[in-house]
Amino acid sequence: MANQELRRQVIRIYKELLFMGRDYPLGYDYFRARLHRAFLSKAHLSDDKEIEEGIKRAEFVKKEIEALYYLKRYRALKQRYETQ
């Protein structure tokens, strides 16, 4: 069994990404299915180093999604105030 601390980190990042998926442009169901598939594909990992690399990749994806949301919000605000 893998290190319990790593397990907690994986579950935490999964929950954070799942929460962020509520506002995904293609819908929550699409996002949840893709996220589940991505984590399931790495479920066989048992080496701590590989698991840490997976966590780092998930953190990167989280930052990319945040950037997507900020860009979406910026464009909406810009469009609102530019027409006046």
C-alpha atoms as a PDB file:
ATOM      1  CA  MET A   1       0.000   0.000   0.000  1.00  0.00           C
ATOM      2  CA  ALA A   2       1.245   3.474  -0.829  1.00  0.00           C
ATOM      3  CA  ASN A   3       2.115   6.085   1.745  1.00  0.00           C
ATOM      4  CA  GLN A   4      -1.022   7.369   3.508  1.00  0.00           C
ATOM      5  CA  GLU A   5       0.100  10.992   3.165  1.00  0.00           C
ATOM      6  CA  LEU A   6       0.317  10.595  -0.608  1.00  0.00           C
ATOM      7  CA  ARG A   7      -3.123   8.994  -0.605  1.00  0.00           C
ATOM      8  CA  ARG A   8      -4.529  12.019   1.227  1.00  0.00           C
ATOM      9  CA  GLN A   9      -2.865  14.367  -1.267  1.00  0.00           C
ATOM     10  CA  VAL A  10      -4.324  12.455  -4.219  1.00  0.00           C
ATOM     11  CA  ILE A  11      -7.810  12.529  -2.730  1.00  0.00           C
ATOM     12  CA  ARG A  12      -7.461  16.248  -1.905  1.00  0.00           C
ATOM     13  CA  ILE A  13      -6.408  17.222  -5.446  1.00  0.00           C
ATOM     14  CA  TYR A  14      -9.144  15.007  -6.913  1.00  0.00           C
ATOM     15  CA  LYS A  15     -11.780  16.754  -4.804  1.00  0.00           C
ATOM     16  CA  GLU A  16     -10.395  20.192  -5.679  1.00  0.00           C
ATOM     17  CA  LEU A  17     -10.473  19.415  -9.392  1.00  0.00           C
ATOM     18  CA  LEU A  18     -13.953  17.944  -9.087  1.00  0.00           C
ATOM     19  CA  PHE A  19     -15.133  21.131  -7.362  1.00  0.00           C
ATOM     20  CA  MET A  20     -13.560  23.258 -10.094  1.00  0.00           C
ATOM     21  CA  GLY A  21     -15.323  21.187 -12.731  1.00  0.00           C
ATOM     22  CA  ARG A  22     -18.690  22.702 -11.829  1.00  0.00           C
ATOM     23  CA  ASP A  23     -17.962  25.694 -14.068  1.00  0.00           C
ATOM     24  CA  TYR A  24     -16.273  23.793 -16.906  1.00  0.00           C
ATOM     25  CA  PRO A  25     -17.461  25.044 -20.329  1.00  0.00           C
ATOM     26  CA  LEU A  26     -18.390  21.577 -21.639  1.00  0.00           C
ATOM     27  CA  GLY A  27     -20.364  20.711 -18.534  1.00  0.00           C
ATOM     28  CA  TYR A  28     -19.816  19.022 -15.212  1.00  0.00           C
ATOM     29  CA  ASP A  29     -20.683  15.521 -16.423  1.00  0.00           C
ATOM     30  CA  TYR A  30     -18.099  15.737 -19.201  1.00  0.00           C
ATOM     31  CA  PHE A  31     -15.450  17.033 -16.796  1.00  0.00           C
ATOM     32  CA  ARG A  32     -16.205  14.465 -14.090  1.00  0.00           C
ATOM     33  CA  ALA A  33     -15.990  11.551 -16.507  1.00  0.00           C
ATOM     34  CA  ARG A  34     -12.664  12.754 -17.928  1.00  0.00           C
ATOM     35  CA  LEU A  35     -11.243  13.439 -14.463  1.00  0.00           C
ATOM     36  CA  HIS A  36     -12.307  10.027 -13.198  1.00  0.00           C
ATOM     37  CA  ARG A  37     -10.764   8.324 -16.235  1.00  0.00           C
ATOM     38  CA  ALA A  38      -7.502  10.253 -15.777  1.00  0.00           C
ATOM     39  CA  PHE A  39      -7.171   9.299 -12.111  1.00  0.00           C
ATOM     40  CA  LEU A  40      -8.223   5.708 -12.798  1.00  0.00           C
ATOM     41  CA  SER A  41      -5.476   5.361 -15.399  1.00  0.00           C
ATOM     42  CA  LYS A  42      -2.898   6.135 -12.684  1.00  0.00           C
ATOM     43  CA  ALA A  43      -4.495   3.973  -9.965  1.00  0.00           C
ATOM     44  CA  HIS A  44      -1.998   1.158 -10.525  1.00  0.00           C
ATOM     45  CA  LEU A  45       0.976   3.296  -9.445  1.00  0.00           C
ATOM     46  CA  SER A  46       2.678   2.093  -6.297  1.00  0.00           C
ATOM     47  CA  ASP A  47       6.051   3.859  -6.407  1.00  0.00           C
ATOM     48  CA  ASP A  48       6.024   6.987  -4.235  1.00  0.00           C
ATOM     49  CA  LYS A  49       8.063   8.959  -6.767  1.00  0.00           C
ATOM     50  CA  GLU A  50       5.609   8.187  -9.586  1.00  0.00           C
ATOM     51  CA  ILE A  51       2.665   9.143  -7.391  1.00  0.00           C
ATOM     52  CA  GLU A  52       4.334  12.461  -6.504  1.00  0.00           C
ATOM     53  CA  GLU A  53       4.861  13.147 -10.220  1.00  0.00           C
ATOM     54  CA  GLY A  54       1.166  12.448 -10.800  1.00  0.00           C
ATOM     55  CA  ILE A  55       0.239  14.874  -8.031  1.00  0.00           C
ATOM     56  CA  LYS A  56       2.466  17.547  -9.577  1.00  0.00           C
ATOM     57  CA  ARG A  57       0.776  16.992 -12.942  1.00  0.00           C
ATOM     58  CA  ALA A  58      -2.647  17.323 -11.306  1.00  0.00           C
ATOM     59  CA  GLU A  59      -1.552  20.588  -9.663  1.00  0.00           C
ATOM     60  CA  PHE A  60      -0.446  21.850 -13.085  1.00  0.00           C
ATOM     61  CA  VAL A  61      -3.816  20.924 -14.588  1.00  0.00           C
ATOM     62  CA  LYS A  62      -5.525  22.730 -11.696  1.00  0.00           C
ATOM     63  CA  LYS A  63      -3.549  25.901 -12.463  1.00  0.00           C
ATOM     64  CA  GLU A  64      -4.429  25.628 -16.154  1.00  0.00           C
ATOM     65  CA  ILE A  65      -8.132  25.319 -15.353  1.00  0.00           C
ATOM     66  CA  GLU A  66      -7.910  28.326 -13.026  1.00  0.00           C
ATOM     67  CA  ALA A  67      -6.261  30.310 -15.820  1.00  0.00           C
ATOM     68  CA  LEU A  68      -9.064  29.271 -18.179  1.00  0.00           C
ATOM     69  CA  TYR A  69     -11.680  30.494 -15.705  1.00  0.00           C
ATOM     70  CA  TYR A  70      -9.887  33.802 -15.084  1.00  0.00           C
ATOM     71  CA  LEU A  71      -9.611  34.380 -18.821  1.00  0.00           C
ATOM     72  CA  LYS A  72     -13.317  33.622 -19.254  1.00  0.00           C
ATOM     73  CA  ARG A  73     -14.194  36.070 -16.462  1.00  0.00           C
ATOM     74  CA  TYR A  74     -11.871  38.737 -17.884  1.00  0.00           C
ATOM     75  CA  ARG A  75     -13.405  38.453 -21.347  1.00  0.00           C
ATOM     76  CA  ALA A  76     -16.928  38.687 -19.948  1.00  0.00           C
ATOM     77  CA  LEU A  77     -16.085  41.818 -17.938  1.00  0.00           C
ATOM     78  CA  LYS A  78     -14.246  43.383 -20.849  1.00  0.00           C
ATOM     79  CA  GLN A  79     -17.185  42.744 -23.162  1.00  0.00           C
ATOM     80  CA  ARG A  80     -19.603  44.239 -20.625  1.00  0.00           C
ATOM     81  CA  TYR A  81     -17.709  47.467 -20.098  1.00  0.00           C
ATOM     82  CA  GLU A  82     -16.241  47.950 -23.558  1.00  0.00           C
ATOM     83  CA  THR A  83     -19.604  48.566 -25.245  1.00  0.00           C
ATOM     84  CA  GLN A  84     -20.485  51.551 -23.050  1.00  0.00           C
END
